[in-house]
Amino acid sequence: MRRVGGTKDIDLDVRIIVASNERLWSSEKKGKFREDLFHRFNEFSIEVPPLRERREDILLFANHFLVLTNKELDKHIKGFTQETEKALKSYSWPGNLRELKNVIKRATLLTDSNYIEIHSLPFEISNFNKLQFEQSQEEVNKQEEAIVSQVPEMSEPAPVAVGSGENNFKKAVYNAEFKIIMDAMAKVNFNKSEAARLLNIDRKTLYNKLKQYTDNL
């Protein structure tokens, strides 16, 4: 290097490590990252798999963040219940370590006991396995046929018959609505604000719907 205004070069022994959550080679091809800078950095690359592909590391990092959060918030939480650990290991973690760190900090704030319990986790994590319910195409077709079969073919609405037919109709509508909401949640990585915007409903309505579904699962 040379100091500003200097006349002599100064030798330095340094190593530069650059981290990015984007594929820089792709950004460089699209003109979003300087080509010369990319090639200077790209002498040796290490691609770190996302957290969902390193599930054995989830609790390791969770406990590390808990230690840091205990110091920051002056708390003395010892760890996680088995149910909480299972939920943490099952979640897909689209936000990787940054999301995990924020989740642990939030749970630590909400916990008054010695161990973080599952109810202190965000909804999408504590109910992740339930929300992964997927219907086969055959089941979807059956539900759609059930809905269509219950719609009267007349201009004036007909009274709803009391009995098993009414129950089947309600169940079909319930399941179809559940699938639509779960599909929207999956598209936005379970971001409830984005899902509500995608579904054109307010966030409170979405929360109430999700609570209704999980209570009935």
Protein backbone atom coordinates (compact mmCIF):
# COMPACT_ATOMS: atom_id res chain seq x y z
CA MET A 1 0.00 0.00 0.00
CA ARG A 2 1.01 3.62 -0.28
CA ARG A 3 -0.05 6.36 2.10
CA VAL A 4 -1.99 9.26 0.64
CA GLY A 5 0.65 11.73 -0.46
CA GLY A 6 3.42 9.21 0.15
CA THR A 7 6.12 8.15 -2.30
CA LYS A 8 7.03 4.70 -0.96
CA ASP A 9 5.15 1.39 -1.11
CA ILE A 10 4.63 -0.36 2.22
CA ASP A 11 4.44 -4.17 2.34
CA LEU A 12 1.54 -5.65 4.31
CA ASP A 13 0.86 -9.26 5.31
CA VAL A 14 -2.94 -9.47 5.50
CA ARG A 15 -5.75 -11.83 4.57
CA ILE A 16 -9.16 -10.49 3.57
CA ILE A 17 -12.24 -12.60 4.29
CA VAL A 18 -15.49 -11.53 2.64
CA ALA A 19 -18.88 -12.98 3.54
CA SER A 20 -22.12 -12.57 1.63
CA ASN A 21 -25.60 -14.09 1.80
CA GLU A 22 -25.84 -13.77 -1.98
CA ARG A 23 -24.03 -15.64 -4.72
CA LEU A 24 -21.54 -12.98 -5.82
CA TRP A 25 -20.71 -14.76 -9.07
CA SER A 26 -24.38 -14.47 -10.05
CA SER A 27 -24.52 -10.81 -9.01
CA GLU A 28 -21.35 -10.12 -10.99
CA LYS A 29 -22.84 -11.69 -14.13
CA LYS A 30 -25.94 -9.49 -13.73
CA GLY A 31 -23.83 -6.37 -13.32
CA LYS A 32 -24.81 -5.90 -9.67
CA PHE A 33 -21.27 -6.46 -8.35
CA ARG A 34 -17.99 -5.13 -9.73
CA GLU A 35 -16.26 -7.76 -11.85
CA ASP A 36 -12.71 -6.74 -10.92
CA LEU A 37 -13.55 -6.73 -7.21
CA PHE A 38 -15.22 -10.14 -7.46
CA HIS A 39 -12.14 -11.70 -9.06
CA ARG A 40 -9.86 -10.15 -6.43
CA PHE A 41 -11.98 -11.70 -3.67
CA ASN A 42 -12.59 -15.00 -5.40
CA GLU A 43 -9.14 -16.53 -4.91
CA PHE A 44 -10.60 -19.19 -2.61
CA SER A 45 -14.31 -19.75 -1.91
CA ILE A 46 -16.08 -21.59 0.89
CA GLU A 47 -19.81 -22.12 0.53
CA VAL A 48 -21.52 -22.56 3.90
CA PRO A 49 -24.75 -24.61 3.72
CA PRO A 50 -27.91 -22.99 5.15
CA LEU A 51 -28.86 -23.84 8.71
CA ARG A 52 -31.69 -26.14 7.60
CA GLU A 53 -29.06 -28.41 6.05
CA ARG A 54 -27.00 -28.46 9.26
CA ARG A 55 -29.61 -29.47 11.80
CA GLU A 56 -26.99 -30.92 14.11
CA ASP A 57 -25.65 -27.35 14.54
CA ILE A 58 -28.97 -25.73 15.47
CA LEU A 59 -28.87 -26.48 19.20
CA LEU A 60 -25.15 -25.68 19.30
CA PHE A 61 -25.82 -22.17 18.02
CA ALA A 62 -29.03 -21.84 20.06
CA ASN A 63 -27.13 -22.49 23.29
CA HIS A 64 -24.36 -20.10 22.21
CA PHE A 65 -26.90 -17.33 21.57
CA LEU A 66 -28.59 -18.11 24.88
CA VAL A 67 -25.31 -17.54 26.74
CA LEU A 68 -24.83 -14.21 24.98
CA THR A 69 -28.43 -13.16 25.59
CA ASN A 70 -28.29 -14.11 29.27
CA LYS A 71 -25.33 -11.75 29.69
CA GLU A 72 -26.96 -8.99 27.66
CA LEU A 73 -30.30 -9.16 29.48
CA ASP A 74 -28.91 -10.16 32.88
CA LYS A 75 -30.93 -13.37 32.95
CA HIS A 76 -30.04 -16.88 34.09
CA ILE A 77 -31.92 -19.26 31.84
CA LYS A 78 -30.29 -22.70 31.85
CA GLY A 79 -31.50 -24.07 28.53
CA PHE A 80 -34.47 -25.38 26.56
CA THR A 81 -37.15 -27.95 27.24
CA GLN A 82 -37.11 -31.09 25.08
CA GLU A 83 -40.23 -29.89 23.27
CA THR A 84 -38.54 -26.57 22.48
CA GLU A 85 -35.40 -28.28 21.23
CA LYS A 86 -37.47 -30.49 18.94
CA ALA A 87 -39.26 -27.43 17.52
CA LEU A 88 -35.99 -25.58 16.93
CA LYS A 89 -34.52 -28.58 15.09
CA SER A 90 -37.65 -29.07 12.96
CA TYR A 91 -37.98 -25.49 11.70
CA SER A 92 -36.58 -24.57 8.26
CA TRP A 93 -34.82 -21.31 9.36
CA PRO A 94 -35.11 -19.27 6.15
CA GLY A 95 -33.30 -16.42 7.95
CA ASN A 96 -30.45 -18.70 9.04
CA LEU A 97 -28.32 -17.63 12.05
CA ARG A 98 -29.65 -14.08 12.15
CA GLU A 99 -33.19 -15.41 12.56
CA LEU A 100 -32.11 -17.97 15.16
CA LYS A 101 -30.32 -15.30 17.20
CA ASN A 102 -33.40 -13.05 17.19
CA VAL A 103 -35.69 -15.96 18.13
CA ILE A 104 -33.49 -16.90 21.11
CA LYS A 105 -33.37 -13.30 22.30
CA ARG A 106 -37.15 -12.97 22.01
CA ALA A 107 -37.73 -16.26 23.85
CA THR A 108 -35.30 -15.26 26.60
CA LEU A 109 -37.20 -12.02 27.16
CA LEU A 110 -40.49 -13.91 27.44
CA THR A 111 -39.21 -16.64 29.77
CA ASP A 112 -39.45 -16.35 33.56
CA SER A 113 -38.54 -19.97 34.38
CA ASN A 114 -35.22 -21.81 34.20
CA TYR A 115 -35.89 -23.27 30.76
CA ILE A 116 -37.32 -21.81 27.56
CA GLU A 117 -40.64 -23.50 26.81
CA ILE A 118 -42.22 -23.89 23.39
CA HIS A 119 -44.92 -21.25 23.97
CA SER A 120 -42.14 -18.63 24.08
CA LEU A 121 -41.24 -19.35 20.45
CA PRO A 122 -42.90 -17.54 17.51
CA PHE A 123 -46.07 -19.13 16.15
CA GLU A 124 -44.53 -20.32 12.89
CA ILE A 125 -41.80 -22.20 14.78
CA SER A 126 -43.84 -23.75 17.58
CA ASN A 127 -46.45 -24.93 15.05
CA PHE A 128 -44.12 -25.64 12.13
CA ASN A 129 -44.83 -29.38 11.90
CA LYS A 130 -48.57 -28.77 11.99
CA LEU A 131 -48.28 -26.13 9.29
CA GLN A 132 -46.44 -28.58 7.04
CA PHE A 133 -49.68 -30.49 6.50
CA GLU A 134 -50.03 -31.04 2.77
CA GLN A 135 -52.97 -32.55 0.96
CA SER A 136 -52.56 -34.87 -1.96
CA GLN A 137 -53.99 -33.74 -5.29
CA GLU A 138 -56.64 -36.44 -4.98
CA GLU A 139 -57.78 -35.01 -1.66
CA VAL A 140 -57.86 -31.50 -3.11
CA ASN A 141 -59.95 -32.70 -6.06
CA LYS A 142 -62.36 -34.45 -3.71
CA GLN A 143 -62.77 -31.28 -1.67
CA GLU A 144 -63.32 -29.15 -4.76
CA GLU A 145 -65.92 -31.65 -6.02
CA ALA A 146 -67.60 -31.60 -2.61
CA ILE A 147 -67.80 -27.79 -2.70
CA VAL A 148 -69.16 -27.75 -6.24
CA SER A 149 -71.71 -30.46 -5.45
CA GLN A 150 -73.08 -28.39 -2.58
CA VAL A 151 -73.65 -25.26 -4.71
CA PRO A 152 -77.29 -25.15 -5.88
CA GLU A 153 -77.80 -24.61 -9.61
CA MET A 154 -80.37 -21.85 -9.35
CA SER A 155 -80.43 -18.08 -9.39
CA GLU A 156 -81.87 -17.76 -5.89
CA PRO A 157 -79.98 -19.17 -2.91
CA ALA A 158 -81.53 -22.34 -1.53
CA PRO A 159 -81.76 -23.08 2.20
CA VAL A 160 -78.91 -25.17 3.56
CA ALA A 161 -80.02 -28.67 4.47
CA VAL A 162 -79.39 -29.78 8.02
CA GLY A 163 -77.45 -33.01 8.38
CA SER A 164 -74.31 -34.70 7.14
CA GLY A 165 -74.34 -32.76 3.86
CA GLU A 166 -73.95 -29.47 5.70
CA ASN A 167 -71.09 -30.86 7.77
CA ASN A 168 -69.31 -32.16 4.66
CA PHE A 169 -69.67 -28.76 3.01
CA LYS A 170 -68.29 -26.91 6.02
CA LYS A 171 -65.40 -29.35 6.29
CA ALA A 172 -64.58 -29.02 2.58
CA VAL A 173 -64.62 -25.20 2.78
CA TYR A 174 -62.53 -25.30 5.96
CA ASN A 175 -59.90 -27.57 4.39
CA ALA A 176 -59.78 -25.57 1.14
CA GLU A 177 -59.29 -22.32 3.07
CA PHE A 178 -56.60 -23.97 5.19
CA LYS A 179 -54.69 -25.07 2.08
CA ILE A 180 -54.88 -21.61 0.49
CA ILE A 181 -53.47 -19.96 3.61
CA MET A 182 -50.73 -22.58 4.05
CA ASP A 183 -49.71 -22.22 0.38
CA ALA A 184 -49.46 -18.44 0.84
CA MET A 185 -47.43 -18.86 4.05
CA ALA A 186 -45.02 -21.25 2.32
CA LYS A 187 -44.52 -18.86 -0.62
CA VAL A 188 -43.29 -16.10 1.70
CA ASN A 189 -41.27 -18.33 4.07
CA PHE A 190 -43.91 -18.02 6.81
CA ASN A 191 -43.68 -14.25 7.01
CA LYS A 192 -47.13 -13.45 8.37
CA SER A 193 -47.20 -9.82 7.21
CA GLU A 194 -46.30 -10.83 3.65
CA ALA A 195 -48.80 -13.70 3.73
CA ALA A 196 -51.59 -11.38 4.87
CA ARG A 197 -50.71 -8.95 2.07
CA LEU A 198 -50.69 -11.81 -0.45
CA LEU A 199 -54.08 -13.03 0.76
CA ASN A 200 -55.47 -9.47 0.87
CA ILE A 201 -56.49 -9.75 4.52
CA ASP A 202 -55.25 -7.91 7.59
CA ARG A 203 -52.64 -9.44 9.89
CA LYS A 204 -55.07 -9.87 12.80
CA THR A 205 -57.45 -11.90 10.64
CA LEU A 206 -54.58 -14.14 9.56
CA TYR A 207 -53.50 -14.66 13.18
CA ASN A 208 -57.05 -15.64 14.16
CA LYS A 209 -57.30 -18.07 11.24
CA LEU A 210 -53.97 -19.71 12.08
CA LYS A 211 -54.93 -20.06 15.73
CA GLN A 212 -58.25 -21.64 14.71
CA TYR A 213 -56.51 -24.19 12.48
CA THR A 214 -53.82 -25.20 14.96
CA ASP A 215 -56.36 -25.52 17.78
CA ASN A 216 -58.27 -28.01 15.64
CA LEU A 217 -55.26 -30.02 14.42
